[in-house]
Amino acid sequence: MKKILSLVLAIVMVMGLFAVSAAAETSDVKVGFIFLHDENSTYDLNFMNAAKEACEKLGVEYVLKTNVPEGNECYEAAADMADDGCDIVFADSFGHEDYMIEAAKEFPEVQFCHATGTKAHTEGLANYHNAFASIYEGRYLAGVAAGMKLNEMIEAGEFTAEEAKMGYVGAYTYAEVVSGYTSFYLGAKSVCPSVTMDVTFTGSWYDETAEKEAANKLIEGGCKLISQHADSMGAPTACENAGVPNVSYNGSTVDACPNTFIVSSRINWAPYFEYIINCVANGEEIAADWTGNIATGSVELSDVNEQAAAAGTAEKIAEVKAALEDGSLKVFDTTTFTYNGAALESFMADVDTDPAYEGDTEVVVDGAVLESEFRSAPYFNLTIDGINLLDTAF
């Protein structure tokens, strides 16, 4: 018996040493984070919060650089971090990609990770990686909340079903934005079949004045509810001032907009940051393209603001979320929309991002567009029926 107890104690001690060793390995990792804007941008703040959460949880040293433009300044920031001993350098904006790739080629011993990028799978660099999440699922859920609000307003006699038009403030005409507003629209359409949507673009990820003006233009054009893929408080503030319901992005705006904010979707980047830190600590390869989802905790919705949302919204979101998680519901189910007046039977997406943006990969599989399946960043860029683009300059 004493021999058995001694053996058990020895095993426990060894396991404890392994645990201490693993913790020590992660504590030796240093991470540098590059952000396009600062904490005033809801987009960048979402990344900052996740970076701090993951690094502090794992006991990792980290460095933050804010207001880094999508130019050679990104390369310089990345190179400085590599020279400063960072094992991982991460950048958060689409336009940072080419400069991150340049740094990755110069510093092969450092891992360079980039959100929303498209080139990792074609560059073939062992130390350059892209990441994203299935935020289209979160936007779909937010769209369901929007559709329920429209239905409530129709039933209250505020406007007719034919007048159920939403507005959307987008930054650019990139696939990431198109995928986002399309999934939002499809979520609303799933509960409010008559809904249409006008979309306008600002040409900037963060321009509070332009976003406020865009929202006001949409409201003046008859839009009954506004959402956005832009990073300031411009659109939510315009909605609060006008008394128009709003679905925001990257965080709740309920404190500033208590009367109009309904819900917000966001990507939770903490799981990805923990993943890449642990990969480096354990000497494991980081995926060239990583896509988080609801199940990994990478796609989240804020609490529903009951003061502005339609009755039963939280319950409906939970129901639809369960269907997304078990696979019985596909956001881009081709039976739920048309394109140029017909069912979408085929879509050759530009997955490999050649200079001419030519389609190279069939992404309609078993009656649904498989978004973020063939690379992490979105590639859905079709304007489906029911969505009206007010401008395409950006």
Protein backbone atom coordinates (compact mmCIF):
# COMPACT_ATOMS: atom_id res chain seq x y z
CA MET A 1 0.00 0.00 0.00
CA LYS A 2 2.85 2.38 0.91
CA LYS A 3 4.48 1.68 -2.47
CA ILE A 4 1.21 2.49 -4.28
CA LEU A 5 0.78 5.73 -2.31
CA SER A 6 4.38 6.69 -3.06
CA LEU A 7 3.82 6.02 -6.76
CA VAL A 8 0.63 8.11 -6.80
CA LEU A 9 2.42 10.94 -4.98
CA ALA A 10 5.27 10.80 -7.47
CA ILE A 11 2.85 10.98 -10.41
CA VAL A 12 1.04 13.94 -8.85
CA MET A 13 4.36 15.73 -8.29
CA VAL A 14 5.45 15.10 -11.89
CA MET A 15 2.12 16.37 -13.21
CA GLY A 16 2.53 19.43 -11.05
CA LEU A 17 5.98 20.03 -12.46
CA PHE A 18 4.58 19.72 -16.01
CA ALA A 19 1.93 22.30 -15.17
CA VAL A 20 4.53 24.69 -13.75
CA SER A 21 6.71 24.08 -16.81
CA ALA A 22 3.82 24.86 -19.18
CA ALA A 23 3.06 28.07 -17.31
CA ALA A 24 6.73 29.03 -17.44
CA GLU A 25 6.81 28.46 -21.19
CA THR A 26 3.92 30.84 -21.84
CA SER A 27 5.39 33.44 -19.51
CA ASP A 28 8.50 33.50 -21.73
CA VAL A 29 6.44 34.61 -24.74
CA LYS A 30 6.28 38.29 -25.70
CA VAL A 31 3.58 39.64 -28.02
CA GLY A 32 3.36 42.91 -29.94
CA PHE A 33 -0.02 44.27 -31.05
CA ILE A 34 -0.48 46.84 -33.84
CA PHE A 35 -3.77 48.76 -34.02
CA LEU A 36 -5.04 51.03 -36.79
CA HIS A 37 -6.66 53.46 -34.35
CA ASP A 38 -6.86 53.86 -30.58
CA GLU A 39 -9.47 53.12 -27.92
CA ASN A 40 -11.86 55.67 -29.43
CA SER A 41 -12.50 53.21 -32.26
CA THR A 42 -14.91 50.47 -31.21
CA TYR A 43 -13.16 48.10 -33.63
CA ASP A 44 -9.68 48.64 -32.21
CA LEU A 45 -10.90 48.77 -28.61
CA ASN A 46 -12.43 45.32 -29.09
CA PHE A 47 -8.99 43.98 -30.09
CA MET A 48 -7.23 45.82 -27.27
CA ASN A 49 -9.51 44.40 -24.62
CA ALA A 50 -9.05 40.88 -25.97
CA ALA A 51 -5.27 41.28 -26.16
CA LYS A 52 -5.03 42.40 -22.55
CA GLU A 53 -7.41 39.65 -21.40
CA ALA A 54 -5.49 36.85 -23.12
CA CYS A 55 -2.01 38.06 -22.21
CA GLU A 56 -2.84 38.73 -18.57
CA LYS A 57 -4.58 35.36 -18.29
CA LEU A 58 -1.48 33.56 -19.60
CA GLY A 59 1.04 35.79 -17.84
CA VAL A 60 2.49 37.06 -21.11
CA GLU A 61 4.44 40.28 -21.66
CA TYR A 62 2.85 42.44 -24.34
CA VAL A 63 3.34 45.74 -26.16
CA LEU A 64 0.59 47.83 -27.77
CA LYS A 65 1.07 50.35 -30.61
CA THR A 66 -1.95 52.44 -31.59
CA ASN A 67 -2.77 54.74 -34.52
CA VAL A 68 -0.55 52.81 -36.94
CA PRO A 69 -1.63 53.68 -40.53
CA GLU A 70 -2.09 51.15 -43.33
CA GLY A 71 1.29 52.09 -44.82
CA ASN A 72 5.00 51.63 -44.29
CA GLU A 73 4.44 52.73 -40.68
CA CYS A 74 3.01 49.26 -40.09
CA TYR A 75 6.18 47.59 -41.36
CA GLU A 76 8.27 49.87 -39.16
CA ALA A 77 6.14 49.09 -36.11
CA ALA A 78 6.33 45.35 -36.79
CA ALA A 79 10.10 45.47 -37.33
CA ASP A 80 10.58 47.47 -34.13
CA MET A 81 8.59 44.87 -32.19
CA ALA A 82 10.63 42.03 -33.68
CA ASP A 83 13.86 43.83 -32.79
CA ASP A 84 12.47 44.39 -29.29
CA GLY A 85 12.16 40.64 -28.70
CA CYS A 86 8.53 39.97 -29.54
CA ASP A 87 7.91 36.32 -30.45
CA ILE A 88 4.55 37.20 -32.04
CA VAL A 89 3.48 40.38 -33.83
CA PHE A 90 -0.22 40.90 -34.55
CA ALA A 91 -1.91 43.60 -36.66
CA ASP A 92 -5.64 44.27 -36.75
CA SER A 93 -6.51 46.02 -40.02
CA PHE A 94 -6.97 44.80 -43.59
CA GLY A 95 -4.55 47.33 -45.10
CA HIS A 96 -1.74 46.27 -42.77
CA GLU A 97 -1.30 42.96 -44.58
CA ASP A 98 1.38 43.70 -47.19
CA TYR A 99 3.56 45.40 -44.58
CA MET A 100 3.19 42.47 -42.18
CA ILE A 101 4.23 40.11 -44.97
CA GLU A 102 7.30 42.27 -45.64
CA ALA A 103 8.25 42.06 -41.96
CA ALA A 104 7.60 38.31 -41.86
CA LYS A 105 10.07 37.78 -44.70
CA GLU A 106 12.71 39.82 -42.88
CA PHE A 107 12.23 38.17 -39.47
CA PRO A 108 11.62 34.43 -40.10
CA GLU A 109 12.07 33.56 -36.42
CA VAL A 110 9.08 35.72 -35.40
CA GLN A 111 5.43 34.74 -35.94
CA PHE A 112 3.34 37.42 -37.70
CA CYS A 113 -0.45 37.15 -37.37
CA HIS A 114 -2.98 39.35 -39.10
CA ALA A 115 -6.74 39.80 -38.74
CA THR A 116 -8.98 40.05 -41.84
CA GLY A 117 -6.14 39.35 -44.29
CA THR A 118 -6.38 37.11 -47.34
CA LYS A 119 -2.86 36.16 -48.43
CA ALA A 120 -1.44 33.70 -45.89
CA HIS A 121 -2.57 30.62 -47.80
CA THR A 122 -1.03 31.86 -51.05
CA GLU A 123 2.17 33.42 -49.65
CA GLY A 124 3.16 30.12 -48.08
CA LEU A 125 5.31 31.67 -45.35
CA ALA A 126 5.72 29.43 -42.30
CA ASN A 127 5.64 32.50 -40.01
CA TYR A 128 2.73 34.46 -41.53
CA HIS A 129 -0.89 33.73 -40.62
CA ASN A 130 -4.41 35.11 -41.16
CA ALA A 131 -7.34 34.92 -38.76
CA PHE A 132 -10.99 35.82 -38.69
CA ALA A 133 -14.24 34.50 -37.23
CA SER A 134 -17.71 33.62 -38.49
CA ILE A 135 -19.03 37.05 -37.54
CA TYR A 136 -21.61 36.63 -40.29
CA GLU A 137 -23.40 34.35 -37.82
CA GLY A 138 -23.37 37.10 -35.18
CA ARG A 139 -24.60 39.66 -37.69
CA TYR A 140 -27.36 37.27 -38.76
CA LEU A 141 -28.50 37.00 -35.13
CA ALA A 142 -28.38 40.79 -34.81
CA GLY A 143 -30.46 40.95 -37.98
CA VAL A 144 -33.07 38.70 -36.41
CA ALA A 145 -33.34 41.22 -33.57
CA ALA A 146 -33.71 44.00 -36.15
CA GLY A 147 -36.44 42.12 -38.02
CA MET A 148 -38.38 41.56 -34.82
CA LYS A 149 -38.20 45.29 -34.07
CA LEU A 150 -39.51 46.09 -37.54
CA ASN A 151 -42.41 43.67 -37.02
CA GLU A 152 -43.24 45.32 -33.70
CA MET A 153 -43.28 48.74 -35.33
CA ILE A 154 -45.45 47.47 -38.21
CA GLU A 155 -47.93 45.93 -35.77
CA ALA A 156 -48.03 49.23 -33.86
CA GLY A 157 -49.05 51.01 -37.06
CA GLU A 158 -45.89 53.11 -37.35
CA PHE A 159 -45.47 52.07 -41.00
CA THR A 160 -46.62 49.32 -43.36
CA ALA A 161 -44.83 46.08 -44.14
CA GLU A 162 -43.96 47.47 -47.58
CA GLU A 163 -42.23 50.42 -45.87
CA ALA A 164 -39.99 48.19 -43.73
CA LYS A 165 -36.65 49.50 -44.95
CA MET A 166 -33.39 49.36 -43.00
CA GLY A 167 -30.24 51.41 -43.54
CA TYR A 168 -26.64 50.28 -43.24
CA VAL A 169 -23.50 52.41 -42.88
CA GLY A 170 -20.52 50.59 -44.39
CA ALA A 171 -16.88 51.62 -44.53
CA TYR A 172 -15.82 50.12 -47.86
CA THR A 173 -17.21 47.82 -50.56
CA TYR A 174 -14.82 45.06 -49.44
CA ALA A 175 -16.14 41.50 -49.18
CA GLU A 176 -15.82 41.70 -45.39
CA VAL A 177 -18.37 44.53 -45.31
CA VAL A 178 -20.60 43.00 -48.01
CA SER A 179 -20.68 39.67 -46.20
CA GLY A 180 -21.56 41.44 -42.97
CA TYR A 181 -24.43 43.55 -44.24
CA THR A 182 -25.80 40.68 -46.32
CA SER A 183 -25.92 38.32 -43.34
CA PHE A 184 -27.52 41.07 -41.25
CA TYR A 185 -30.15 41.57 -43.94
CA LEU A 186 -30.83 37.83 -44.22
CA GLY A 187 -31.34 37.60 -40.46
CA ALA A 188 -33.89 40.41 -40.58
CA LYS A 189 -35.58 38.91 -43.65
CA SER A 190 -35.96 35.56 -41.89
CA VAL A 191 -38.52 37.14 -39.53
CA CYS A 192 -39.68 40.17 -41.57
CA PRO A 193 -39.99 38.92 -45.18
CA SER A 194 -40.88 42.30 -46.69
CA VAL A 195 -37.75 44.09 -45.46
CA THR A 196 -35.40 45.90 -47.83
CA MET A 197 -32.13 47.67 -47.06
CA ASP A 198 -30.23 50.70 -48.35
CA VAL A 199 -26.45 50.70 -47.91
CA THR A 200 -24.09 53.66 -48.07
CA PHE A 201 -20.31 53.83 -47.64
CA THR A 202 -17.99 56.34 -46.00
CA GLY A 203 -14.58 55.37 -47.41
CA SER A 204 -13.11 55.13 -43.92
CA TRP A 205 -13.12 52.63 -41.09
CA TYR A 206 -13.34 55.44 -38.58
CA ASP A 207 -14.85 58.82 -39.39
CA GLU A 208 -17.41 59.94 -36.84
CA THR A 209 -18.65 62.88 -38.89
CA ALA A 210 -19.02 60.86 -42.10
CA GLU A 211 -20.74 58.00 -40.27
CA LYS A 212 -23.19 60.35 -38.57
CA GLU A 213 -23.95 62.05 -41.89
CA ALA A 214 -24.42 58.68 -43.58
CA ALA A 215 -26.86 57.53 -40.90
CA ASN A 216 -28.81 60.79 -41.17
CA LYS A 217 -28.97 60.39 -44.96
CA LEU A 218 -30.40 56.90 -44.54
CA ILE A 219 -32.94 58.08 -41.97
CA GLU A 220 -34.01 60.94 -44.24
CA GLY A 221 -34.39 58.36 -47.03
CA GLY A 222 -37.01 56.48 -45.06
CA CYS A 223 -34.94 53.85 -43.26
CA LYS A 224 -36.68 52.73 -40.07
CA LEU A 225 -33.67 51.07 -38.42
CA ILE A 226 -29.92 51.53 -38.86
CA SER A 227 -26.93 49.23 -38.49
CA GLN A 228 -23.29 49.64 -39.40
CA HIS A 229 -19.88 48.29 -40.23
CA ALA A 230 -17.89 51.35 -39.22
CA ASP A 231 -16.10 52.02 -36.01
CA SER A 232 -17.24 55.25 -34.37
CA MET A 233 -20.25 56.37 -32.39
CA GLY A 234 -21.41 58.47 -35.37
CA ALA A 235 -24.28 56.26 -36.54
CA PRO A 236 -25.53 55.25 -33.06
CA THR A 237 -25.54 58.88 -31.95
CA ALA A 238 -27.49 59.94 -35.04
CA CYS A 239 -30.04 57.23 -34.29
CA GLU A 240 -30.40 58.24 -30.64
CA ASN A 241 -30.91 61.87 -31.66
CA ALA A 242 -33.54 60.89 -34.25
CA GLY A 243 -35.24 58.22 -32.13
CA VAL A 244 -34.47 55.51 -34.71
CA PRO A 245 -33.65 51.95 -33.54
CA ASN A 246 -30.00 50.97 -33.96
CA VAL A 247 -28.00 47.74 -34.08
CA SER A 248 -24.34 48.53 -33.42
CA TYR A 249 -21.12 46.59 -33.88
CA ASN A 250 -18.19 45.66 -31.62
CA GLY A 251 -19.88 46.52 -28.36
CA SER A 252 -22.97 47.75 -26.63
CA THR A 253 -23.82 51.43 -26.96
CA VAL A 254 -26.61 51.23 -24.41
CA ASP A 255 -25.03 53.76 -22.05
CA ALA A 256 -24.88 56.45 -24.71
CA CYS A 257 -27.99 55.37 -26.61
CA PRO A 258 -30.40 53.84 -24.06
CA ASN A 259 -33.54 54.55 -26.08
CA THR A 260 -32.47 53.17 -29.46
CA PHE A 261 -29.73 50.56 -28.99
CA ILE A 262 -31.06 47.01 -29.51
CA VAL A 263 -28.08 44.63 -29.62
CA SER A 264 -24.51 44.38 -30.90
CA SER A 265 -22.41 41.58 -32.38
CA ARG A 266 -18.65 41.29 -32.15
CA ILE A 267 -15.68 38.99 -32.63
CA ASN A 268 -14.09 37.95 -29.36
CA TRP A 269 -10.40 37.76 -30.24
CA ALA A 270 -9.23 36.41 -26.87
CA PRO A 271 -9.52 32.72 -27.93
CA TYR A 272 -7.31 33.37 -30.96
CA PHE A 273 -4.72 35.25 -28.96
CA GLU A 274 -4.58 32.44 -26.42
CA TYR A 275 -4.26 29.95 -29.27
CA ILE A 276 -1.26 31.64 -30.93
CA ILE A 277 0.49 32.23 -27.60
CA ASN A 278 0.12 28.57 -26.65
CA CYS A 279 1.29 27.48 -30.10
CA VAL A 280 4.51 29.48 -29.75
CA ALA A 281 5.03 28.36 -26.15
CA ASN A 282 4.64 24.71 -27.11
CA GLY A 283 6.55 24.89 -30.39
CA GLU A 284 3.44 24.09 -32.41
CA GLU A 285 2.52 25.37 -35.85
CA ILE A 286 -0.03 28.21 -36.11
CA ALA A 287 -2.71 27.63 -38.73
CA ALA A 288 -2.25 29.70 -41.90
CA ASP A 289 -5.98 30.49 -41.81
CA TRP A 290 -7.84 30.29 -38.49
CA THR A 291 -11.58 30.81 -38.27
CA GLY A 292 -13.30 31.02 -34.89
CA ASN A 293 -17.05 30.62 -34.45
CA ILE A 294 -19.84 30.67 -31.90
CA ALA A 295 -18.75 27.32 -30.49
CA THR A 296 -15.18 28.53 -29.82
CA GLY A 297 -16.50 31.65 -28.08
CA SER A 298 -15.19 33.80 -30.91
CA VAL A 299 -18.57 35.23 -31.99
CA GLU A 300 -20.65 36.98 -29.36
CA LEU A 301 -23.69 39.17 -28.94
CA SER A 302 -24.17 41.79 -26.27
CA ASP A 303 -27.11 41.67 -23.92
CA VAL A 304 -30.37 42.74 -25.56
CA ASN A 305 -31.55 46.18 -24.48
CA GLU A 306 -35.10 45.37 -23.43
CA GLN A 307 -36.01 49.05 -23.40
CA ALA A 308 -35.58 49.29 -27.19
CA ALA A 309 -35.87 45.71 -28.46
CA ALA A 310 -39.11 43.96 -29.37
CA ALA A 311 -40.61 41.63 -26.78
CA GLY A 312 -39.21 38.11 -27.01
CA THR A 313 -36.03 39.14 -28.83
CA ALA A 314 -33.60 37.43 -26.45
CA GLU A 315 -35.56 34.18 -26.61
CA LYS A 316 -35.68 34.28 -30.41
CA ILE A 317 -31.94 34.93 -30.63
CA ALA A 318 -31.29 31.92 -28.39
CA GLU A 319 -33.47 29.75 -30.62
CA VAL A 320 -31.73 30.81 -33.83
CA LYS A 321 -28.28 30.59 -32.23
CA ALA A 322 -28.95 26.94 -31.33
CA ALA A 323 -29.84 26.21 -34.96
CA LEU A 324 -26.62 27.84 -36.16
CA GLU A 325 -24.58 25.85 -33.67
CA ASP A 326 -26.07 22.48 -34.60
CA GLY A 327 -25.80 23.22 -38.33
CA SER A 328 -29.52 23.00 -39.10
CA LEU A 329 -29.44 26.67 -40.18
CA LYS A 330 -27.03 28.10 -42.74
CA VAL A 331 -26.73 31.88 -42.96
CA PHE A 332 -26.24 31.92 -46.74
CA ASP A 333 -28.82 29.23 -47.54
CA THR A 334 -29.48 29.84 -51.23
CA THR A 335 -33.20 29.10 -50.86
CA THR A 336 -33.60 32.22 -48.69
CA PHE A 337 -32.53 34.84 -51.24
CA THR A 338 -32.20 35.53 -54.95
CA TYR A 339 -29.49 37.16 -57.01
CA ASN A 340 -30.47 39.11 -60.13
CA GLY A 341 -33.94 37.64 -59.82
CA ALA A 342 -32.86 33.99 -59.74
CA ALA A 343 -31.69 31.37 -57.29
CA LEU A 344 -27.93 31.30 -56.78
CA GLU A 345 -26.74 27.91 -58.02
CA SER A 346 -23.04 28.68 -58.38
CA PHE A 347 -20.61 31.28 -57.09
CA MET A 348 -16.93 31.30 -58.00
CA ALA A 349 -15.42 33.38 -55.23
CA ASP A 350 -12.09 35.18 -55.35
CA VAL A 351 -10.46 33.19 -52.57
CA ASP A 352 -6.86 33.46 -53.80
CA THR A 353 -7.07 37.26 -54.29
CA ASP A 354 -5.39 37.74 -57.62
CA PRO A 355 -4.92 41.31 -58.92
CA ALA A 356 -7.97 41.04 -61.22
CA TYR A 357 -10.17 39.70 -58.39
CA GLU A 358 -11.24 36.80 -60.60
CA GLY A 359 -13.26 33.97 -59.08
CA ASP A 360 -11.23 30.82 -58.50
CA THR A 361 -13.18 28.67 -56.03
CA GLU A 362 -16.73 27.29 -56.12
CA VAL A 363 -18.22 28.13 -52.74
CA VAL A 364 -21.86 27.01 -53.15
CA VAL A 365 -21.97 23.57 -51.57
CA ASP A 366 -25.14 21.61 -50.79
CA GLY A 367 -27.39 24.62 -51.29
CA ALA A 368 -25.46 27.16 -49.23
CA VAL A 369 -22.57 29.57 -49.70
CA LEU A 370 -19.85 28.37 -47.37
CA GLU A 371 -18.42 31.64 -46.09
CA SER A 372 -14.95 31.68 -44.46
CA GLU A 373 -14.58 27.99 -45.27
CA PHE A 374 -11.84 28.15 -47.91
CA ARG A 375 -9.93 30.94 -46.17
CA SER A 376 -10.59 32.75 -42.92
CA ALA A 377 -11.47 36.19 -44.35
CA PRO A 378 -14.91 36.63 -45.95
CA TYR A 379 -15.27 36.45 -49.73
CA PHE A 380 -19.04 36.85 -50.21
CA ASN A 381 -19.31 40.00 -52.36
CA LEU A 382 -22.62 39.67 -54.25
CA THR A 383 -25.39 42.27 -54.06
CA ILE A 384 -28.47 40.11 -53.51
CA ASP A 385 -32.03 41.20 -54.28
CA GLY A 386 -33.56 43.39 -51.62
CA ILE A 387 -30.34 45.32 -50.93
CA ASN A 388 -29.87 48.68 -52.64
CA LEU A 389 -26.42 50.29 -52.79
CA LEU A 390 -26.66 54.08 -52.71
CA ASP A 391 -23.03 54.47 -53.75
CA THR A 392 -20.09 52.24 -54.61
CA ALA A 393 -17.28 54.80 -54.75
CA PHE A 394 -15.38 53.11 -51.96
